[in-house]
N, C-alpha and C. Protein backbone atom coordinates (compact mmCIF):
# COMPACT_ATOMS: atom_id res chain seq x y z
N MET A 1 -5.87 41.04 89.65
CA MET A 1 -4.86 41.46 89.20
C MET A 1 -4.07 42.14 90.38
N VAL A 2 -3.00 42.13 90.45
CA VAL A 2 -2.12 42.89 91.35
C VAL A 2 -1.25 43.49 90.92
N LEU A 3 -1.30 45.26 91.24
CA LEU A 3 -0.54 46.11 90.65
C LEU A 3 0.57 46.21 91.69
N SER A 4 1.72 46.76 91.10
CA SER A 4 2.81 47.24 91.87
C SER A 4 3.76 48.07 90.87
N LEU A 5 3.07 49.29 90.77
CA LEU A 5 3.56 50.54 89.59
C LEU A 5 4.01 51.58 90.34
N PRO A 6 5.03 52.54 89.77
CA PRO A 6 5.53 53.41 90.10
C PRO A 6 4.23 54.93 90.71
N ASP A 7 3.43 54.88 89.92
CA ASP A 7 2.46 55.92 90.52
C ASP A 7 1.08 55.99 89.95
N GLY A 8 0.08 56.96 90.52
CA GLY A 8 -1.18 56.91 90.17
C GLY A 8 -1.53 56.96 88.58
N GLU A 9 -0.79 57.47 88.18
CA GLU A 9 -1.01 57.87 86.38
C GLU A 9 -1.12 56.51 85.63
N VAL A 10 0.13 55.79 86.14
CA VAL A 10 0.27 54.28 85.42
C VAL A 10 -0.78 53.53 85.67
N CYS A 11 -0.92 53.75 86.96
CA CYS A 11 -2.08 52.58 87.64
C CYS A 11 -3.22 52.75 86.93
N GLN A 12 -3.85 54.32 86.74
CA GLN A 12 -5.07 54.42 86.03
C GLN A 12 -5.04 54.12 84.58
N GLU A 13 -3.76 54.12 83.97
CA GLU A 13 -3.59 53.76 82.47
C GLU A 13 -3.78 52.28 82.39
N VAL A 14 -3.19 51.34 83.09
CA VAL A 14 -3.40 49.98 83.15
C VAL A 14 -4.87 49.55 83.58
N VAL A 15 -5.12 50.13 84.49
CA VAL A 15 -6.82 50.05 84.78
C VAL A 15 -7.87 50.32 83.77
N ARG A 16 -7.60 51.49 83.00
CA ARG A 16 -8.05 51.95 82.08
C ARG A 16 -8.36 51.11 80.84
N ASP A 17 -7.07 50.26 80.33
CA ASP A 17 -6.97 49.33 79.48
C ASP A 17 -7.61 48.05 79.65
N LEU A 18 -7.43 47.79 80.83
CA LEU A 18 -8.39 46.49 81.53
C LEU A 18 -9.61 46.45 81.57
N GLY A 19 -10.35 47.73 81.79
CA GLY A 19 -11.70 47.96 81.79
C GLY A 19 -12.31 47.82 80.18
N ALA A 20 -11.21 48.21 79.31
CA ALA A 20 -11.80 48.37 78.08
C ALA A 20 -11.30 47.16 77.03
N ALA A 21 -10.98 45.84 77.69
CA ALA A 21 -10.32 44.85 77.07
C ALA A 21 -12.09 44.22 76.77
N ARG A 22 -12.02 43.98 75.61
CA ARG A 22 -13.09 42.78 75.13
C ARG A 22 -13.24 41.61 75.80
N ASP A 23 -11.96 40.94 75.94
CA ASP A 23 -11.96 39.38 76.56
C ASP A 23 -11.53 39.58 78.02
N ARG A 24 -12.06 40.68 78.55
CA ARG A 24 -11.63 40.93 79.91
C ARG A 24 -11.90 39.51 80.92
N GLN A 25 -10.96 39.22 81.79
CA GLN A 25 -11.51 38.43 82.80
C GLN A 25 -11.07 38.71 84.23
N VAL A 26 -10.48 40.09 84.21
CA VAL A 26 -10.19 40.50 85.55
C VAL A 26 -11.27 41.22 85.98
N THR A 27 -11.68 40.92 87.40
CA THR A 27 -13.03 41.75 88.16
C THR A 27 -12.42 42.41 89.51
N HIS A 28 -11.32 41.70 89.71
CA HIS A 28 -10.94 42.96 90.90
C HIS A 28 -9.40 43.34 90.78
N ILE A 29 -8.94 44.70 91.48
CA ILE A 29 -7.87 44.81 91.36
C ILE A 29 -7.29 45.01 92.78
N VAL A 30 -5.82 44.32 93.18
CA VAL A 30 -5.32 44.63 94.46
C VAL A 30 -4.27 45.49 94.00
N ASP A 31 -4.16 46.94 94.33
CA ASP A 31 -3.45 47.77 94.31
C ASP A 31 -2.19 47.87 95.29
N THR A 32 -0.87 47.26 95.01
CA THR A 32 0.14 47.45 96.11
C THR A 32 0.81 48.38 96.06
N SER A 33 0.43 49.23 95.02
CA SER A 33 1.60 50.60 94.61
C SER A 33 1.27 51.45 95.71
N THR A 34 2.15 52.47 95.85
CA THR A 34 1.74 53.68 96.61
C THR A 34 1.62 54.92 95.52
N VAL A 35 0.31 55.24 95.42
CA VAL A 35 -0.28 56.10 94.52
C VAL A 35 -0.97 57.56 95.12
N GLY A 36 -1.28 57.50 96.37
CA GLY A 36 -1.81 58.65 97.05
C GLY A 36 -3.38 58.39 97.34
N VAL A 37 -4.38 58.93 98.28
CA VAL A 37 -5.53 58.92 98.69
C VAL A 37 -6.38 59.44 97.06
N ALA A 38 -6.01 60.56 96.69
CA ALA A 38 -6.89 60.85 95.69
C ALA A 38 -7.12 60.02 94.39
N ALA A 39 -5.63 59.54 94.08
CA ALA A 39 -5.43 58.63 92.80
C ALA A 39 -6.40 57.23 93.22
N ALA A 40 -6.46 56.68 94.55
CA ALA A 40 -6.86 55.58 94.79
C ALA A 40 -8.36 55.68 94.88
N ARG A 41 -8.96 56.83 95.06
CA ARG A 41 -10.20 57.21 94.68
C ARG A 41 -10.82 57.12 93.67
N VAL A 42 -9.87 57.79 92.47
CA VAL A 42 -9.97 57.65 91.23
C VAL A 42 -10.50 56.24 90.67
N LEU A 43 -9.10 55.61 91.15
CA LEU A 43 -8.96 54.11 90.58
C LEU A 43 -10.16 53.29 91.02
N SER A 44 -10.75 53.35 92.26
CA SER A 44 -11.82 52.52 92.65
C SER A 44 -13.09 52.94 92.01
N ALA A 45 -13.11 54.13 90.94
CA ALA A 45 -14.37 54.60 90.51
C ALA A 45 -14.34 54.10 88.97
N MET A 46 -13.24 53.26 88.57
CA MET A 46 -13.10 52.96 86.99
C MET A 46 -13.38 51.76 86.59
N GLY A 47 -14.72 51.22 87.36
CA GLY A 47 -15.39 49.99 86.85
C GLY A 47 -14.96 48.75 87.48
N LEU A 48 -14.05 48.40 88.06
CA LEU A 48 -13.45 47.18 88.58
C LEU A 48 -13.28 47.43 89.95
N ALA A 49 -13.79 45.96 90.67
CA ALA A 49 -13.61 46.15 92.21
C ALA A 49 -12.02 46.75 92.55
N TYR A 50 -11.97 47.34 93.23
CA TYR A 50 -10.67 48.00 93.76
C TYR A 50 -10.44 47.84 95.33
N VAL A 51 -9.22 47.06 95.83
CA VAL A 51 -8.88 47.17 97.09
C VAL A 51 -7.25 47.99 97.19
N ASP A 52 -7.49 48.79 97.87
CA ASP A 52 -6.31 49.39 98.16
C ASP A 52 -5.34 48.84 99.20
N ALA A 53 -4.12 48.43 98.81
CA ALA A 53 -3.20 47.36 99.39
C ALA A 53 -1.83 47.85 99.48
N PRO A 54 -1.25 49.10 99.97
CA PRO A 54 -0.01 49.55 99.66
C PRO A 54 0.86 48.67 100.80
N VAL A 55 2.07 48.11 100.81
CA VAL A 55 3.01 47.52 101.39
C VAL A 55 4.08 48.10 101.83
N SER A 56 4.69 47.66 102.64
CA SER A 56 5.68 48.26 103.36
C SER A 56 6.77 47.06 103.62
N GLY A 57 7.88 47.19 103.73
CA GLY A 57 9.26 46.12 103.99
C GLY A 57 10.15 45.80 102.58
N GLY A 58 9.82 46.32 101.29
CA GLY A 58 10.61 46.37 100.50
C GLY A 58 11.18 45.12 100.10
N VAL A 59 12.20 44.71 99.16
CA VAL A 59 12.44 43.83 98.30
C VAL A 59 12.69 42.63 99.69
N ALA A 60 13.50 42.88 100.44
CA ALA A 60 13.96 41.89 101.46
C ALA A 60 12.43 41.33 102.18
N GLY A 61 11.93 42.51 102.37
CA GLY A 61 10.30 41.72 102.95
C GLY A 61 9.45 40.68 101.95
N ALA A 62 9.50 41.18 100.86
CA ALA A 62 8.98 40.32 99.57
C ALA A 62 9.22 39.29 100.04
N ARG A 63 10.56 38.86 99.94
CA ARG A 63 11.34 37.50 99.92
C ARG A 63 11.03 36.69 101.02
N ARG A 64 11.01 37.31 102.24
CA ARG A 64 10.71 36.96 103.61
C ARG A 64 9.35 36.64 104.07
N ARG A 65 8.34 37.09 103.25
CA ARG A 65 7.09 37.25 103.74
C ARG A 65 6.69 37.92 104.60
N THR A 66 7.51 39.09 104.91
CA THR A 66 7.62 39.73 106.18
C THR A 66 6.83 41.15 105.60
N LEU A 67 6.65 41.33 104.37
CA LEU A 67 5.71 42.84 103.97
C LEU A 67 4.57 43.08 104.93
N MET A 68 4.48 44.19 105.61
CA MET A 68 3.34 44.75 105.84
C MET A 68 2.09 45.06 104.77
N VAL A 69 1.27 44.22 104.69
CA VAL A 69 0.27 44.58 103.80
C VAL A 69 -1.04 45.32 104.48
N MET A 70 -1.13 46.38 103.98
CA MET A 70 -2.22 47.46 104.88
C MET A 70 -3.37 47.57 103.42
N TYR A 71 -4.60 47.26 104.46
CA TYR A 71 -5.36 47.16 102.88
C TYR A 71 -6.60 47.79 103.37
N ALA A 72 -7.63 48.28 102.52
CA ALA A 72 -8.66 48.77 102.48
C ALA A 72 -9.87 48.57 101.43
N GLY A 73 -10.86 48.32 101.62
CA GLY A 73 -12.09 48.16 100.90
C GLY A 73 -13.40 47.43 101.46
N THR A 74 -14.28 47.65 100.35
CA THR A 74 -15.68 47.08 100.87
C THR A 74 -15.47 45.58 101.89
N ASP A 75 -16.25 45.24 102.37
CA ASP A 75 -16.22 44.07 102.95
C ASP A 75 -16.33 42.69 101.92
N GLU A 76 -17.19 43.16 100.90
CA GLU A 76 -17.19 41.74 99.70
C GLU A 76 -16.12 41.94 99.15
N ASP A 77 -15.35 43.17 98.35
CA ASP A 77 -14.09 43.02 97.72
C ASP A 77 -12.98 42.30 98.51
N CYS A 78 -12.72 42.81 100.01
CA CYS A 78 -11.74 42.64 101.02
C CYS A 78 -12.07 40.91 100.90
N ALA A 79 -13.04 40.21 100.84
CA ALA A 79 -13.25 38.82 101.38
C ALA A 79 -13.10 38.15 100.06
N ARG A 80 -13.34 38.72 98.89
CA ARG A 80 -12.80 38.30 97.54
C ARG A 80 -11.58 37.80 97.29
N VAL A 81 -10.78 39.08 97.76
CA VAL A 81 -9.33 38.85 97.34
C VAL A 81 -7.90 38.48 98.72
N GLU A 82 -8.89 38.10 99.82
CA GLU A 82 -8.27 37.94 100.55
C GLU A 82 -7.13 36.48 100.28
N PRO A 83 -7.63 35.34 99.65
CA PRO A 83 -6.41 34.43 99.12
C PRO A 83 -5.34 35.27 98.54
N VAL A 84 -5.41 36.20 97.40
CA VAL A 84 -4.41 36.77 96.78
C VAL A 84 -3.38 37.28 97.98
N LEU A 85 -4.29 38.46 99.02
CA LEU A 85 -3.30 39.28 100.04
C LEU A 85 -2.48 37.87 100.68
N ALA A 86 -3.07 36.96 101.12
CA ALA A 86 -2.39 36.08 101.86
C ALA A 86 -1.21 35.63 101.03
N GLY A 87 -1.36 35.31 99.81
CA GLY A 87 -0.19 35.01 98.84
C GLY A 87 0.99 36.22 98.96
N LEU A 88 0.90 37.22 98.92
CA LEU A 88 1.88 38.25 99.23
C LEU A 88 2.31 38.57 100.76
N SER A 89 1.86 38.12 101.63
CA SER A 89 2.83 38.13 102.96
C SER A 89 2.03 37.40 104.07
N ASP A 90 2.56 36.92 105.03
CA ASP A 90 2.03 36.74 106.16
C ASP A 90 1.52 37.48 107.32
N ARG A 91 2.05 39.11 106.92
CA ARG A 91 1.50 40.24 107.72
C ARG A 91 0.60 40.94 107.09
N ARG A 92 -0.58 40.89 107.48
CA ARG A 92 -1.75 41.88 106.77
C ARG A 92 -2.46 42.60 107.76
N ARG A 93 -3.40 43.57 107.35
CA ARG A 93 -4.13 44.06 108.33
C ARG A 93 -5.15 45.42 107.55
N ARG A 94 -6.23 45.01 107.95
CA ARG A 94 -7.31 45.65 106.92
C ARG A 94 -7.32 47.13 107.93
N VAL A 95 -7.16 47.91 107.40
CA VAL A 95 -6.96 49.44 107.71
C VAL A 95 -8.56 50.34 107.70
N GLY A 96 -9.23 49.97 106.87
CA GLY A 96 -10.38 50.76 106.55
C GLY A 96 -11.49 49.82 105.42
N ASP A 97 -12.62 50.46 105.34
CA ASP A 97 -13.46 50.01 104.19
C ASP A 97 -13.67 50.96 103.16
N ARG A 98 -12.76 51.87 103.03
CA ARG A 98 -12.83 52.88 101.70
C ARG A 98 -11.42 52.81 101.08
N PRO A 99 -11.54 52.41 99.44
CA PRO A 99 -9.73 52.68 99.24
C PRO A 99 -9.85 54.26 99.24
N GLY A 100 -8.31 54.41 99.55
CA GLY A 100 -7.56 55.68 99.99
C GLY A 100 -7.39 55.65 101.65
N GLN A 101 -7.92 54.73 102.47
CA GLN A 101 -7.77 54.94 103.82
C GLN A 101 -6.23 54.12 103.85
N ALA A 102 -5.87 53.04 103.09
CA ALA A 102 -4.83 52.38 103.20
C ALA A 102 -3.64 53.27 102.53
N GLN A 103 -3.84 53.69 101.36
CA GLN A 103 -2.89 54.89 101.16
C GLN A 103 -2.48 56.00 102.23
N ALA A 104 -3.39 56.61 102.73
CA ALA A 104 -3.13 57.56 103.78
C ALA A 104 -2.10 56.97 104.83
N LEU A 105 -2.34 55.79 105.34
CA LEU A 105 -1.64 54.99 106.34
C LEU A 105 0.31 54.63 105.48
N LYS A 106 0.17 54.27 104.51
CA LYS A 106 1.11 53.90 103.57
C LYS A 106 2.07 55.53 103.62
N LEU A 107 1.33 56.38 103.24
CA LEU A 107 2.06 57.92 102.92
C LEU A 107 2.38 58.17 104.58
N ALA A 108 1.76 58.21 105.71
CA ALA A 108 2.40 58.69 106.93
C ALA A 108 3.61 57.80 107.19
N ASN A 109 3.38 56.14 106.81
CA ASN A 109 4.37 55.59 107.38
C ASN A 109 5.70 56.10 106.61
N ASN A 110 5.36 56.47 105.05
CA ASN A 110 6.87 56.79 104.26
C ASN A 110 7.40 58.07 104.93
N PHE A 111 6.60 58.86 105.25
CA PHE A 111 7.09 60.16 105.58
C PHE A 111 7.76 59.59 106.89
N LEU A 112 7.62 58.90 107.96
CA LEU A 112 8.39 58.79 109.12
C LEU A 112 9.43 58.19 108.58
N SER A 113 9.48 57.21 107.81
CA SER A 113 10.75 56.49 107.53
C SER A 113 11.82 57.62 106.53
N ALA A 114 11.10 58.31 105.91
CA ALA A 114 12.05 59.27 105.09
C ALA A 114 12.41 60.38 106.16
N THR A 115 12.05 60.70 107.31
CA THR A 115 12.33 61.47 108.11
C THR A 115 13.40 60.72 109.10
N ALA A 116 12.81 59.50 109.36
CA ALA A 116 14.06 58.87 110.44
C ALA A 116 15.34 58.81 109.65
N LEU A 117 15.37 58.19 108.28
CA LEU A 117 16.53 58.28 107.52
C LEU A 117 17.13 59.25 107.40
N ALA A 118 16.64 60.65 107.25
CA ALA A 118 17.22 61.62 107.14
C ALA A 118 17.99 62.28 108.44
N ALA A 119 16.99 61.93 109.55
CA ALA A 119 17.61 62.60 110.84
C ALA A 119 18.59 61.61 111.26
N THR A 120 18.80 60.31 110.89
CA THR A 120 19.71 59.39 111.55
C THR A 120 21.06 59.68 110.78
N SER A 121 20.83 60.13 109.26
CA SER A 121 21.93 60.57 108.40
C SER A 121 22.66 61.78 109.26
N GLU A 122 22.22 62.68 109.65
CA GLU A 122 22.51 63.91 110.09
C GLU A 122 23.11 63.42 111.83
N ALA A 123 22.49 62.60 112.22
CA ALA A 123 22.95 62.18 113.93
C ALA A 123 24.37 61.70 113.48
N VAL A 124 24.48 60.58 112.28
CA VAL A 124 25.32 59.89 112.19
C VAL A 124 26.80 60.81 111.76
N ALA A 125 26.49 61.80 110.92
CA ALA A 125 27.48 62.46 110.37
C ALA A 125 28.11 63.52 111.60
N PHE A 126 27.13 63.66 112.83
CA PHE A 126 27.76 64.87 113.59
C PHE A 126 28.63 63.53 114.48
N GLY A 127 28.12 62.59 115.00
CA GLY A 127 28.97 61.61 115.75
C GLY A 127 30.47 61.40 114.84
N ARG A 128 30.50 61.12 113.67
CA ARG A 128 31.73 61.04 112.93
C ARG A 128 32.57 62.38 113.01
N ALA A 129 31.69 63.56 112.97
CA ALA A 129 32.54 64.76 113.24
C ALA A 129 33.29 64.83 114.52
N ALA A 130 32.28 64.19 115.59
CA ALA A 130 32.99 64.15 117.03
C ALA A 130 33.86 63.42 117.53
N GLY A 131 34.11 62.61 116.38
CA GLY A 131 35.14 61.33 116.67
C GLY A 131 34.51 60.06 117.06
N LEU A 132 33.63 59.93 116.94
CA LEU A 132 32.65 58.40 117.17
C LEU A 132 32.90 57.70 116.09
N ASN A 133 32.96 56.35 116.34
CA ASN A 133 32.84 55.27 115.29
C ASN A 133 31.54 54.57 115.09
N PRO A 134 31.14 55.06 113.79
CA PRO A 134 29.75 54.80 113.39
C PRO A 134 29.18 53.54 113.85
N THR A 135 29.83 52.48 113.77
CA THR A 135 29.26 51.22 114.04
C THR A 135 29.00 51.19 115.39
N VAL A 136 29.98 51.86 116.51
CA VAL A 136 29.26 51.86 118.03
C VAL A 136 28.75 52.57 118.30
N MET A 137 28.27 53.66 117.36
CA MET A 137 27.30 54.83 117.75
C MET A 137 25.96 54.05 117.34
N LEU A 138 26.13 53.27 116.45
CA LEU A 138 24.56 52.64 116.13
C LEU A 138 24.21 51.44 116.94
N GLU A 139 25.14 50.59 117.55
CA GLU A 139 24.84 49.95 118.54
C GLU A 139 24.26 50.35 119.70
N VAL A 140 24.70 51.47 120.10
CA VAL A 140 24.35 52.35 121.35
C VAL A 140 22.96 52.84 121.05
N LEU A 141 22.72 53.42 119.97
CA LEU A 141 21.29 54.15 119.44
C LEU A 141 20.65 53.00 119.31
N ASN A 142 20.95 51.70 118.91
CA ASN A 142 19.97 51.01 118.92
C ASN A 142 19.47 50.14 120.11
N ALA A 143 20.23 50.62 121.07
CA ALA A 143 19.56 50.15 122.60
C ALA A 143 19.21 51.22 123.06
N SER A 144 18.79 52.17 122.36
CA SER A 144 18.59 53.38 123.40
C SER A 144 17.43 54.11 122.70
N SER A 145 16.71 55.24 123.03
CA SER A 145 15.50 55.62 122.64
C SER A 145 15.67 56.15 121.29
N GLY A 146 16.80 56.49 120.67
CA GLY A 146 17.10 56.78 119.29
C GLY A 146 16.69 55.76 118.28
N ARG A 147 16.55 54.82 118.78
CA ARG A 147 16.33 53.46 117.69
C ARG A 147 15.29 53.56 116.45
N SER A 148 15.44 53.27 115.42
CA SER A 148 14.61 53.35 114.11
C SER A 148 14.65 52.45 113.39
N GLY A 149 13.98 52.26 112.46
CA GLY A 149 13.83 51.46 111.24
C GLY A 149 15.04 51.68 110.48
N ALA A 150 15.17 53.13 110.49
CA ALA A 150 17.03 53.54 109.95
C ALA A 150 18.27 53.10 110.46
N SER A 151 18.17 53.21 111.52
CA SER A 151 19.29 52.92 112.66
C SER A 151 19.49 51.46 112.79
N ALA A 152 18.35 50.74 113.07
CA ALA A 152 18.27 49.18 113.24
C ALA A 152 18.88 48.26 112.05
N ASP A 153 18.26 48.95 110.81
CA ASP A 153 18.12 48.22 109.54
C ASP A 153 18.88 48.83 108.25
N LYS A 154 18.45 49.82 107.95
CA LYS A 154 19.08 50.65 106.76
C LYS A 154 20.31 51.07 106.92
N PHE A 155 20.89 51.44 108.02
CA PHE A 155 22.33 51.80 108.27
C PHE A 155 23.27 50.64 108.33
N PRO A 156 22.80 49.49 108.91
CA PRO A 156 23.82 48.56 109.24
C PRO A 156 23.85 47.50 108.06
N SER A 157 22.69 47.34 107.36
CA SER A 157 22.77 46.71 106.03
C SER A 157 23.57 47.34 104.83
N GLU A 158 23.04 48.72 104.60
CA GLU A 158 23.56 49.33 103.37
C GLU A 158 24.41 50.46 103.72
N VAL A 159 24.20 51.43 104.67
CA VAL A 159 25.16 52.39 104.79
C VAL A 159 26.49 51.91 105.14
N LEU A 160 26.83 51.04 106.54
CA LEU A 160 28.10 50.93 106.56
C LEU A 160 28.77 50.18 106.09
N THR A 161 27.83 49.00 105.02
CA THR A 161 28.44 48.10 104.21
C THR A 161 29.05 48.99 102.81
N GLY A 162 28.60 50.15 102.59
CA GLY A 162 28.87 50.64 101.44
C GLY A 162 27.80 50.42 100.11
N ARG A 163 26.79 49.62 100.42
CA ARG A 163 26.11 48.76 99.23
C ARG A 163 25.13 49.86 99.00
N TYR A 164 24.57 50.03 99.59
CA TYR A 164 23.23 51.38 98.96
C TYR A 164 22.64 50.81 98.34
N ALA A 165 22.13 49.36 98.16
CA ALA A 165 21.18 48.81 97.32
C ALA A 165 20.10 48.27 98.00
N ALA A 166 19.10 48.98 98.80
CA ALA A 166 18.05 48.80 99.49
C ALA A 166 16.85 48.27 98.54
N GLY A 167 17.11 49.03 97.12
CA GLY A 167 16.18 48.45 95.83
C GLY A 167 14.84 49.63 96.03
N PHE A 168 14.96 50.65 96.67
CA PHE A 168 13.92 51.82 96.57
C PHE A 168 14.71 52.79 96.23
N SER A 169 14.14 53.76 95.13
CA SER A 169 14.97 55.00 94.98
C SER A 169 14.22 56.27 95.39
N ASN A 170 15.40 57.14 95.59
CA ASN A 170 14.95 58.43 96.31
C ASN A 170 14.20 59.16 95.33
N THR A 171 13.94 59.11 94.15
CA THR A 171 12.64 59.57 93.39
C THR A 171 11.45 58.72 94.12
N LEU A 172 11.60 57.79 94.29
CA LEU A 172 10.03 57.35 94.70
C LEU A 172 9.82 57.82 96.29
N MET A 173 10.70 57.95 96.59
CA MET A 173 10.51 58.31 98.01
C MET A 173 10.23 59.59 98.29
N ALA A 174 10.96 60.77 97.50
CA ALA A 174 10.11 62.16 97.29
C ALA A 174 9.16 62.35 96.92
N LYS A 175 8.82 61.11 95.81
CA LYS A 175 7.33 61.43 95.48
C LYS A 175 6.03 60.78 96.43
N ASP A 176 6.74 59.98 97.34
CA ASP A 176 5.72 59.83 98.50
C ASP A 176 5.41 60.48 99.41
N VAL A 177 6.68 61.32 99.88
CA VAL A 177 6.72 62.48 100.74
C VAL A 177 5.46 63.65 100.14
N ARG A 178 6.13 63.69 98.87
CA ARG A 178 5.17 65.11 98.27
C ARG A 178 3.46 64.38 98.19
N LEU A 179 3.10 63.47 98.18
CA LEU A 179 1.93 63.13 98.13
C LEU A 179 1.41 63.05 99.64
N TYR A 180 2.72 62.76 100.51
CA TYR A 180 1.83 63.20 101.89
C TYR A 180 1.55 64.26 102.29
N LEU A 181 2.53 65.19 101.97
CA LEU A 181 2.33 66.61 102.05
C LEU A 181 1.13 67.29 101.35
N ASP A 182 0.92 66.68 100.04
CA ASP A 182 -0.24 67.03 99.39
C ASP A 182 -1.62 66.85 100.42
N GLU A 183 -1.80 65.47 100.74
CA GLU A 183 -3.11 65.22 101.74
C GLU A 183 -3.02 66.24 102.96
N VAL A 184 -1.64 66.30 103.57
CA VAL A 184 -1.84 66.86 104.80
C VAL A 184 -2.16 68.48 104.39
N ARG A 185 -1.85 68.76 103.52
CA ARG A 185 -2.66 70.33 103.12
C ARG A 185 -3.89 70.43 102.76
N ARG A 186 -4.29 69.42 102.03
CA ARG A 186 -5.60 69.19 101.85
C ARG A 186 -6.35 68.94 103.04
N LEU A 187 -6.20 68.54 103.80
CA LEU A 187 -6.89 68.17 105.23
C LEU A 187 -6.66 69.62 106.22
N SER A 188 -5.80 70.04 105.90
CA SER A 188 -5.38 71.28 106.75
C SER A 188 -4.52 70.69 108.25
N SER A 189 -4.08 69.59 108.12
CA SER A 189 -3.49 68.68 109.11
C SER A 189 -2.18 69.40 109.73
N ALA A 190 -1.71 68.85 110.85
CA ALA A 190 -0.59 69.80 111.31
C ALA A 190 0.63 69.61 110.30
N LEU A 191 1.58 70.48 110.09
CA LEU A 191 2.48 70.41 109.17
C LEU A 191 3.63 71.55 109.67
N THR A 192 4.35 70.72 110.63
CA THR A 192 5.84 71.34 111.16
C THR A 192 7.00 70.70 110.48
N LEU A 193 7.38 69.29 110.67
CA LEU A 193 8.36 68.80 110.05
C LEU A 193 8.11 68.07 108.85
N GLY A 194 6.88 68.30 108.13
CA GLY A 194 6.77 67.57 106.80
C GLY A 194 7.40 68.23 105.55
N ALA A 195 7.39 69.55 105.95
CA ALA A 195 8.23 70.42 105.24
C ALA A 195 9.58 70.72 104.99
N VAL A 196 10.06 70.21 106.08
CA VAL A 196 11.57 69.97 106.26
C VAL A 196 12.12 68.95 105.20
N THR A 197 11.42 67.53 105.84
CA THR A 197 11.68 66.27 105.13
C THR A 197 11.49 66.20 103.80
N GLY A 198 10.12 66.97 103.38
CA GLY A 198 10.28 67.31 101.72
C GLY A 198 11.17 67.89 101.16
N SER A 199 11.71 68.94 101.67
CA SER A 199 12.83 69.71 101.00
C SER A 199 13.99 69.04 101.05
N VAL A 200 14.39 68.13 101.85
CA VAL A 200 15.59 67.48 102.05
C VAL A 200 15.66 66.63 100.97
N TRP A 201 14.53 65.80 100.67
CA TRP A 201 14.20 64.61 99.70
C TRP A 201 14.31 64.99 98.40
N GLU A 202 13.58 66.25 98.43
CA GLU A 202 13.64 67.11 96.72
C GLU A 202 14.94 67.35 96.33
N ALA A 203 15.84 67.85 97.23
CA ALA A 203 17.35 68.39 97.14
C ALA A 203 17.87 67.08 96.88
N PHE A 204 17.65 66.04 97.46
CA PHE A 204 18.71 65.00 97.47
C PHE A 204 18.35 64.47 95.85
N THR A 205 16.88 64.45 95.37
CA THR A 205 16.46 63.44 94.41
C THR A 205 16.90 64.60 93.05
N ALA A 206 17.09 65.76 93.04
CA ALA A 206 17.45 66.81 92.13
C ALA A 206 19.08 66.72 92.00
N ALA A 207 19.82 65.92 93.02
CA ALA A 207 21.37 66.32 93.12
C ALA A 207 21.59 64.52 92.61
N GLU A 208 20.81 63.70 92.70
CA GLU A 208 21.21 62.37 92.38
C GLU A 208 19.89 61.46 92.04
N PRO A 209 19.49 62.00 90.85
CA PRO A 209 17.94 60.92 90.39
C PRO A 209 18.16 59.74 90.43
N ASP A 210 17.44 59.14 91.04
CA ASP A 210 16.88 57.52 90.68
C ASP A 210 18.29 56.72 91.46
N ALA A 211 19.05 57.67 92.49
CA ALA A 211 19.84 56.72 93.60
C ALA A 211 19.12 56.03 94.40
N ASP A 212 19.64 55.12 94.89
CA ASP A 212 18.81 53.98 96.08
C ASP A 212 18.77 54.80 97.30
N PHE A 213 17.55 54.90 97.87
CA PHE A 213 17.26 56.14 98.97
C PHE A 213 18.17 56.08 100.43
N THR A 214 18.86 54.97 100.12
CA THR A 214 20.06 54.86 101.12
C THR A 214 21.07 55.89 101.36
N ARG A 215 21.31 56.27 100.12
CA ARG A 215 22.22 57.44 99.94
C ARG A 215 21.81 58.33 100.22
N ILE A 216 21.16 58.60 101.05
CA ILE A 216 20.84 59.99 101.50
C ILE A 216 21.74 60.43 102.49
N TYR A 217 22.67 59.16 103.22
CA TYR A 217 23.60 59.37 104.01
C TYR A 217 24.72 60.35 103.62
N PRO A 218 25.17 60.03 102.47
CA PRO A 218 26.58 60.74 102.16
C PRO A 218 25.98 62.13 101.27
N PHE A 219 24.65 62.07 101.26
CA PHE A 219 24.48 63.48 100.57
C PHE A 219 24.07 64.27 101.68
N VAL A 220 23.63 64.01 102.68
CA VAL A 220 23.19 64.80 103.97
C VAL A 220 24.67 64.94 104.59
N ALA A 221 25.71 63.76 104.74
CA ALA A 221 26.85 64.30 105.40
C ALA A 221 27.86 65.08 104.59
N GLY A 222 27.82 65.01 103.16
CA GLY A 222 28.53 65.82 102.33
C GLY A 222 29.59 65.05 101.93
N ASP A 223 29.71 63.81 101.92
CA ASP A 223 30.64 63.12 101.80
C ASP A 223 30.86 63.01 100.04
């Protein structure tokens, strides 16, 4: 069974119910949710073979089969679910042999995504205040060292068009950054920008719960 659920608690409820089913046919779980390292370890110990397989790329990536599927699990479990992983996307990479390792990489990815989107929002707001055309600004940024997924994808497709419909909520992004910060603190790893990024997303979520995460631009810009 492939899971794609909002958080670790919901995933645990589902896996618990599956394990208790009398007529259960499911033997392996492929969890594409972003649940965090600790939850992945709990899920892997609940009696069903568990492959930690979060994805990055959003709705558009799912439709185009360009999702990045990062997965971790034992050799046996990963081999068993490989046809399922191949059905999800043409882009897959095994990143470890223990559930939780793929979650760690997904949290790092989403922290970078959250930081880049917030920072690009602030930079574009600055450019507008200085009299720059945002379209021209992004064209130059995307040909320069300031380029990111935010400037190359999210701003042209969602912000400049006013669509704000990337299909991922600010509530989920704030949750992912929170999970990242929890793991950073648990590991006593470097924590400089993380706290700032986390505070921005928490404030945005409090102000506009469940808004599309690309709407952080008008939030940061004060529009």
